[in-house]
Amino acid sequence: MRILKTQDVLLVSEVEQLDAAHSEAFQSAVAAALAPAVKSIDIDLSQTGFIDCGGVGALVALRKRAKGCNADATLCLRNVGQPVRRLLRLTHADEMFTLVA
């Protein structure tokens, strides 16, 4: 996983798996990079081969944590493949995030 921070955007990429086994490490690493100045967290899922409910839970928790640091913060999921999009839709988590193909 790679995390780049600009003035007000956190860019997360190279996420290979976002499942129960990896969700805690993912969430901790991204949360450690959060600051009140961060207005947007952009997560590139183009390399994500697998996601499960544990991964969705990590995304939801991360969104909540970002909102706690900055009430206007957004979490954007980029390059969302069909399997990930389907799981987000099934869990209604797609309504919580901005999804960009």
Protein backbone atom coordinates (compact mmCIF):
# COMPACT_ATOMS: atom_id res chain seq x y z
CA MET A 1 0.00 0.00 0.00
CA ARG A 2 1.16 3.50 -0.80
CA ILE A 3 -0.01 6.68 0.90
CA LEU A 4 0.77 10.15 -0.43
CA LYS A 5 -0.28 13.30 1.36
CA THR A 6 -0.69 16.68 -0.27
CA GLN A 7 -1.89 19.77 1.57
CA ASP A 8 -5.49 18.62 1.94
CA VAL A 9 -5.75 15.29 0.07
CA LEU A 10 -4.65 11.83 1.13
CA LEU A 11 -4.02 9.55 -1.86
CA VAL A 12 -4.05 5.82 -1.12
CA SER A 13 -3.05 3.34 -3.82
CA GLU A 14 -1.54 -0.11 -4.40
CA VAL A 15 -4.11 -1.79 -2.15
CA GLU A 16 -3.98 -5.45 -3.20
CA GLN A 17 -6.45 -6.92 -0.73
CA LEU A 18 -8.99 -5.29 1.52
CA ASP A 19 -10.30 -8.14 3.59
CA ALA A 20 -10.68 -9.06 7.25
CA ALA A 21 -7.05 -10.21 7.44
CA HIS A 22 -5.70 -6.91 6.09
CA SER A 23 -8.34 -4.38 7.10
CA GLU A 24 -6.87 -3.45 10.49
CA ALA A 25 -3.41 -2.69 9.04
CA PHE A 26 -5.02 -0.73 6.18
CA GLN A 27 -7.19 1.31 8.50
CA SER A 28 -4.33 1.99 10.94
CA ALA A 29 -1.93 3.14 8.21
CA VAL A 30 -4.42 5.51 6.60
CA ALA A 31 -5.68 6.82 9.96
CA ALA A 32 -2.08 7.57 11.01
CA ALA A 33 -1.74 9.86 7.99
CA LEU A 34 -4.97 11.74 8.74
CA ALA A 35 -4.83 15.32 9.94
CA PRO A 36 -7.49 18.01 10.45
CA ALA A 37 -6.33 19.68 7.23
CA VAL A 38 -7.26 16.62 5.13
CA LYS A 39 -10.42 17.38 3.16
CA SER A 40 -10.45 14.29 0.97
CA ILE A 41 -9.23 10.72 1.09
CA ASP A 42 -8.92 9.24 -2.39
CA ILE A 43 -8.50 5.47 -2.44
CA ASP A 44 -7.48 3.91 -5.75
CA LEU A 45 -8.85 0.36 -5.88
CA SER A 46 -7.53 -0.48 -9.35
CA GLN A 47 -5.12 -3.07 -7.91
CA THR A 48 -7.53 -4.44 -5.33
CA GLY A 49 -8.14 -8.07 -6.22
CA PHE A 50 -10.33 -8.94 -3.27
CA ILE A 51 -12.56 -7.17 -0.77
CA ASP A 52 -14.89 -8.64 1.84
CA CYS A 53 -17.14 -7.29 4.59
CA GLY A 54 -14.09 -6.69 6.79
CA GLY A 55 -12.71 -4.38 4.10
CA VAL A 56 -16.03 -2.57 3.76
CA GLY A 57 -16.07 -2.15 7.53
CA ALA A 58 -12.57 -0.64 7.41
CA LEU A 59 -13.70 1.86 4.75
CA VAL A 60 -16.75 2.84 6.82
CA ALA A 61 -14.65 3.23 9.98
CA LEU A 62 -12.09 5.28 8.07
CA ARG A 63 -14.81 7.58 6.75
CA LYS A 64 -16.10 8.06 10.30
CA ARG A 65 -12.62 8.81 11.58
CA ALA A 66 -11.98 11.32 8.76
CA LYS A 67 -15.27 13.08 9.57
CA GLY A 68 -14.14 13.20 13.21
CA CYS A 69 -10.98 15.05 12.17
CA ASN A 70 -12.75 17.31 9.67
CA ALA A 71 -16.56 17.34 9.39
CA ASP A 72 -16.31 18.28 5.69
CA ALA A 73 -13.97 15.40 4.79
CA THR A 74 -14.97 13.07 1.96
CA LEU A 75 -13.84 9.58 1.05
CA CYS A 76 -13.66 8.83 -2.66
CA LEU A 77 -13.18 5.33 -4.07
CA ARG A 78 -11.55 5.38 -7.50
CA ASN A 79 -11.27 2.69 -10.16
CA VAL A 80 -13.87 0.53 -8.47
CA GLY A 81 -14.21 -2.80 -10.26
CA GLN A 82 -17.49 -4.67 -10.63
CA PRO A 83 -16.92 -7.19 -7.78
CA VAL A 84 -16.12 -4.38 -5.34
CA ARG A 85 -18.99 -2.25 -6.62
CA ARG A 86 -21.36 -5.21 -6.21
CA LEU A 87 -20.33 -5.78 -2.57
CA LEU A 88 -20.66 -2.07 -1.80
CA ARG A 89 -24.13 -2.09 -3.35
CA LEU A 90 -25.19 -5.24 -1.43
CA THR A 91 -24.12 -3.70 1.87
CA HIS A 92 -25.52 -0.26 0.94
CA ALA A 93 -22.06 1.18 1.60
CA ASP A 94 -22.07 2.62 -1.93
CA GLU A 95 -24.30 5.39 -0.57
CA MET A 96 -21.58 6.48 1.88
CA PHE A 97 -18.79 7.05 -0.64
CA THR A 98 -18.16 8.84 -3.88
CA LEU A 99 -17.48 6.12 -6.47
CA VAL A 100 -15.44 7.00 -9.54
CA ALA A 101 -14.98 4.49 -12.36
